[in-house]
Amino acid sequence: ERNLRESMAEVERAQSALAANEERLRLATESADIFAWEIDEKSGRVHYSTNIAEAFGFDPRGSFDQSRLIEMVHPEDRAAVARGMK
């Protein structure tokens, strides 16, 4: 029981740290007026900052497939971007 409580406390600390880091990233991207995104390599899902959602009309809590990100790139640059994502 003690080990379980300690493990649960560690999970809660990790979740709090993650939430704080996410908030710092949000504040930094908003104040610097830059866009940020990350691609989950396993699923190919693109997760993006709220200011990207606002600028492009995306769902602020959403994500999209990596292939959609490539479609947003200028046609002449798509092949190079796609190679860089592998």
N, C-alpha and C. Protein backbone atom coordinates (compact mmCIF):
# COMPACT_ATOMS: atom_id res chain seq x y z
N GLU A 1 0.83 -1.18 0.00
CA GLU A 1 0.00 0.00 0.00
C GLU A 1 0.88 1.25 0.00
N ARG A 2 1.94 1.19 0.78
CA ARG A 2 2.85 2.34 0.84
C ARG A 2 3.50 2.59 -0.52
N ASN A 3 3.94 1.53 -1.19
CA ASN A 3 4.54 1.65 -2.52
C ASN A 3 3.55 2.22 -3.52
N LEU A 4 2.31 1.79 -3.40
CA LEU A 4 1.28 2.31 -4.30
C LEU A 4 1.07 3.80 -4.08
N ARG A 5 1.01 4.24 -2.82
CA ARG A 5 0.85 5.66 -2.52
C ARG A 5 2.03 6.47 -3.05
N GLU A 6 3.23 5.93 -2.87
CA GLU A 6 4.42 6.63 -3.36
C GLU A 6 4.42 6.71 -4.88
N SER A 7 4.00 5.64 -5.52
CA SER A 7 3.93 5.64 -6.98
C SER A 7 2.89 6.64 -7.48
N MET A 8 1.75 6.67 -6.81
CA MET A 8 0.70 7.62 -7.20
C MET A 8 1.17 9.06 -7.00
N ALA A 9 1.89 9.30 -5.93
CA ALA A 9 2.42 10.64 -5.67
C ALA A 9 3.43 11.03 -6.76
N GLU A 10 4.24 10.08 -7.19
CA GLU A 10 5.22 10.34 -8.25
C GLU A 10 4.51 10.65 -9.57
N VAL A 11 3.47 9.91 -9.87
CA VAL A 11 2.69 10.17 -11.09
C VAL A 11 2.08 11.57 -11.04
N GLU A 12 1.54 11.94 -9.91
CA GLU A 12 0.94 13.27 -9.76
C GLU A 12 2.00 14.37 -9.92
N ARG A 13 3.19 14.16 -9.38
CA ARG A 13 4.27 15.15 -9.55
C ARG A 13 4.66 15.26 -11.02
N ALA A 14 4.75 14.14 -11.70
CA ALA A 14 5.11 14.15 -13.11
C ALA A 14 4.04 14.84 -13.95
N GLN A 15 2.77 14.59 -13.63
CA GLN A 15 1.68 15.24 -14.36
C GLN A 15 1.69 16.75 -14.11
N SER A 16 1.96 17.16 -12.90
CA SER A 16 2.04 18.59 -12.58
C SER A 16 3.19 19.25 -13.32
N ALA A 17 4.32 18.58 -13.38
CA ALA A 17 5.49 19.12 -14.09
C ALA A 17 5.19 19.24 -15.58
N LEU A 18 4.54 18.24 -16.14
CA LEU A 18 4.18 18.27 -17.55
C LEU A 18 3.22 19.43 -17.84
N ALA A 19 2.21 19.59 -17.01
CA ALA A 19 1.25 20.68 -17.19
C ALA A 19 1.96 22.04 -17.10
N ALA A 20 2.89 22.18 -16.17
CA ALA A 20 3.63 23.44 -16.04
C ALA A 20 4.49 23.70 -17.27
N ASN A 21 5.14 22.66 -17.79
CA ASN A 21 5.95 22.81 -19.00
C ASN A 21 5.09 23.19 -20.20
N GLU A 22 3.93 22.57 -20.33
CA GLU A 22 3.03 22.89 -21.43
C GLU A 22 2.56 24.35 -21.34
N GLU A 23 2.29 24.81 -20.14
CA GLU A 23 1.86 26.19 -19.95
C GLU A 23 2.99 27.15 -20.30
N ARG A 24 4.22 26.84 -19.90
CA ARG A 24 5.36 27.69 -20.25
C ARG A 24 5.55 27.76 -21.77
N LEU A 25 5.41 26.62 -22.44
CA LEU A 25 5.53 26.60 -23.89
C LEU A 25 4.44 27.45 -24.52
N ARG A 26 3.22 27.34 -24.04
CA ARG A 26 2.12 28.13 -24.57
C ARG A 26 2.39 29.62 -24.41
N LEU A 27 2.81 30.02 -23.22
CA LEU A 27 3.10 31.43 -22.96
C LEU A 27 4.25 31.93 -23.83
N ALA A 28 5.28 31.11 -23.99
CA ALA A 28 6.43 31.51 -24.80
C ALA A 28 6.05 31.68 -26.26
N THR A 29 5.30 30.73 -26.80
CA THR A 29 4.94 30.83 -28.22
C THR A 29 3.99 32.00 -28.46
N GLU A 30 3.09 32.23 -27.52
CA GLU A 30 2.17 33.36 -27.69
C GLU A 30 2.89 34.69 -27.57
N SER A 31 3.75 34.84 -26.58
CA SER A 31 4.42 36.12 -26.38
C SER A 31 5.45 36.40 -27.48
N ALA A 32 6.07 35.37 -28.01
CA ALA A 32 7.05 35.54 -29.09
C ALA A 32 6.37 35.57 -30.45
N ASP A 33 5.09 35.28 -30.48
CA ASP A 33 4.31 35.23 -31.72
C ASP A 33 4.93 34.27 -32.73
N ILE A 34 5.25 33.05 -32.24
CA ILE A 34 5.77 32.00 -33.10
C ILE A 34 4.85 30.79 -33.03
N PHE A 35 4.95 29.96 -34.02
CA PHE A 35 4.15 28.74 -34.06
C PHE A 35 5.00 27.56 -33.57
N ALA A 36 4.34 26.61 -32.95
CA ALA A 36 5.02 25.39 -32.51
C ALA A 36 4.12 24.20 -32.77
N TRP A 37 4.72 23.12 -33.19
CA TRP A 37 3.98 21.88 -33.37
C TRP A 37 4.92 20.72 -33.10
N GLU A 38 4.32 19.58 -32.90
CA GLU A 38 5.10 18.36 -32.72
C GLU A 38 4.39 17.24 -33.45
N ILE A 39 5.19 16.31 -33.92
CA ILE A 39 4.65 15.17 -34.66
C ILE A 39 4.91 13.91 -33.86
N ASP A 40 3.86 13.17 -33.57
CA ASP A 40 3.98 11.88 -32.91
C ASP A 40 4.46 10.89 -33.97
N GLU A 41 5.68 10.42 -33.84
CA GLU A 41 6.26 9.56 -34.87
C GLU A 41 5.51 8.25 -35.04
N LYS A 42 4.95 7.73 -33.96
CA LYS A 42 4.24 6.45 -34.07
C LYS A 42 2.92 6.60 -34.80
N SER A 43 2.16 7.64 -34.46
CA SER A 43 0.83 7.78 -35.04
C SER A 43 0.80 8.69 -36.26
N GLY A 44 1.83 9.54 -36.42
CA GLY A 44 1.83 10.49 -37.52
C GLY A 44 0.94 11.69 -37.27
N ARG A 45 0.41 11.82 -36.05
CA ARG A 45 -0.47 12.95 -35.71
C ARG A 45 0.36 14.19 -35.43
N VAL A 46 -0.14 15.33 -35.90
CA VAL A 46 0.51 16.62 -35.67
C VAL A 46 -0.30 17.35 -34.62
N HIS A 47 0.35 17.74 -33.53
CA HIS A 47 -0.27 18.53 -32.47
C HIS A 47 0.34 19.92 -32.55
N TYR A 48 -0.47 20.94 -32.39
CA TYR A 48 0.00 22.30 -32.66
C TYR A 48 -0.39 23.26 -31.55
N SER A 49 0.30 24.41 -31.54
CA SER A 49 0.04 25.44 -30.54
C SER A 49 -1.29 26.14 -30.83
N THR A 50 -1.83 26.75 -29.80
CA THR A 50 -3.13 27.42 -29.96
C THR A 50 -3.06 28.56 -30.95
N ASN A 51 -1.90 29.22 -31.07
CA ASN A 51 -1.85 30.32 -32.03
C ASN A 51 -1.86 29.82 -33.48
N ILE A 52 -1.42 28.61 -33.73
CA ILE A 52 -1.58 28.01 -35.07
C ILE A 52 -3.06 27.79 -35.33
N ALA A 53 -3.75 27.28 -34.33
CA ALA A 53 -5.20 27.05 -34.48
C ALA A 53 -5.91 28.36 -34.80
N GLU A 54 -5.55 29.42 -34.10
CA GLU A 54 -6.18 30.71 -34.34
C GLU A 54 -5.85 31.26 -35.73
N ALA A 55 -4.60 31.15 -36.14
CA ALA A 55 -4.16 31.70 -37.42
C ALA A 55 -4.77 30.97 -38.62
N PHE A 56 -4.94 29.65 -38.48
CA PHE A 56 -5.39 28.86 -39.62
C PHE A 56 -6.79 28.30 -39.47
N GLY A 57 -7.46 28.63 -38.37
CA GLY A 57 -8.83 28.18 -38.18
C GLY A 57 -8.96 26.71 -37.81
N PHE A 58 -7.92 26.15 -37.18
CA PHE A 58 -7.99 24.76 -36.74
C PHE A 58 -8.68 24.68 -35.38
N ASP A 59 -9.14 23.50 -35.06
CA ASP A 59 -9.68 23.23 -33.73
C ASP A 59 -8.53 23.36 -32.73
N PRO A 60 -8.66 24.25 -31.71
CA PRO A 60 -7.55 24.44 -30.78
C PRO A 60 -7.18 23.21 -29.97
N ARG A 61 -8.07 22.27 -29.86
CA ARG A 61 -7.76 21.04 -29.11
C ARG A 61 -7.53 19.86 -30.04
N GLY A 62 -7.46 20.13 -31.31
CA GLY A 62 -7.37 19.05 -32.28
C GLY A 62 -5.96 18.71 -32.71
N SER A 63 -5.88 17.87 -33.69
CA SER A 63 -4.64 17.48 -34.33
C SER A 63 -5.02 17.00 -35.72
N PHE A 64 -4.04 16.77 -36.53
CA PHE A 64 -4.32 16.22 -37.85
C PHE A 64 -3.19 15.31 -38.27
N ASP A 65 -3.42 14.59 -39.34
CA ASP A 65 -2.45 13.63 -39.84
C ASP A 65 -1.27 14.35 -40.50
N GLN A 66 -0.11 13.77 -40.39
CA GLN A 66 1.11 14.34 -40.95
C GLN A 66 0.97 14.63 -42.45
N SER A 67 0.23 13.83 -43.17
CA SER A 67 0.06 14.06 -44.60
C SER A 67 -0.65 15.39 -44.87
N ARG A 68 -1.53 15.79 -43.98
CA ARG A 68 -2.21 17.09 -44.13
C ARG A 68 -1.21 18.23 -43.96
N LEU A 69 -0.27 18.07 -43.06
CA LEU A 69 0.76 19.10 -42.87
C LEU A 69 1.56 19.26 -44.16
N ILE A 70 1.93 18.16 -44.78
CA ILE A 70 2.68 18.22 -46.03
C ILE A 70 1.86 18.89 -47.12
N GLU A 71 0.56 18.66 -47.15
CA GLU A 71 -0.31 19.30 -48.15
C GLU A 71 -0.35 20.82 -48.00
N MET A 72 -0.07 21.32 -46.79
CA MET A 72 -0.09 22.77 -46.55
C MET A 72 1.19 23.45 -47.02
N VAL A 73 2.22 22.67 -47.31
CA VAL A 73 3.50 23.20 -47.77
C VAL A 73 3.39 23.52 -49.26
N HIS A 74 4.13 24.52 -49.70
CA HIS A 74 4.14 24.87 -51.13
C HIS A 74 4.48 23.61 -51.94
N PRO A 75 3.76 23.40 -53.05
CA PRO A 75 3.96 22.16 -53.83
C PRO A 75 5.42 21.87 -54.19
N GLU A 76 6.19 22.90 -54.48
CA GLU A 76 7.58 22.69 -54.87
C GLU A 76 8.44 22.20 -53.70
N ASP A 77 7.99 22.41 -52.48
CA ASP A 77 8.77 22.04 -51.30
C ASP A 77 8.28 20.77 -50.61
N ARG A 78 7.18 20.22 -51.06
CA ARG A 78 6.57 19.08 -50.36
C ARG A 78 7.48 17.86 -50.27
N ALA A 79 8.15 17.52 -51.34
CA ALA A 79 9.00 16.32 -51.33
C ALA A 79 10.12 16.47 -50.31
N ALA A 80 10.74 17.63 -50.26
CA ALA A 80 11.83 17.85 -49.30
C ALA A 80 11.32 17.82 -47.88
N VAL A 81 10.16 18.41 -47.64
CA VAL A 81 9.59 18.39 -46.28
C VAL A 81 9.24 16.96 -45.89
N ALA A 82 8.64 16.22 -46.79
CA ALA A 82 8.27 14.83 -46.51
C ALA A 82 9.51 14.00 -46.19
N ARG A 83 10.61 14.20 -46.93
CA ARG A 83 11.86 13.47 -46.65
C ARG A 83 12.38 13.84 -45.27
N GLY A 84 12.27 15.10 -44.90
CA GLY A 84 12.76 15.55 -43.60
C GLY A 84 11.96 15.01 -42.43
N MET A 85 10.74 14.57 -42.68
CA MET A 85 9.88 14.05 -41.62
C MET A 85 10.08 12.57 -41.39
N LYS A 86 10.87 11.93 -42.20
CA LYS A 86 11.07 10.48 -42.05
C LYS A 86 12.11 10.17 -41.05
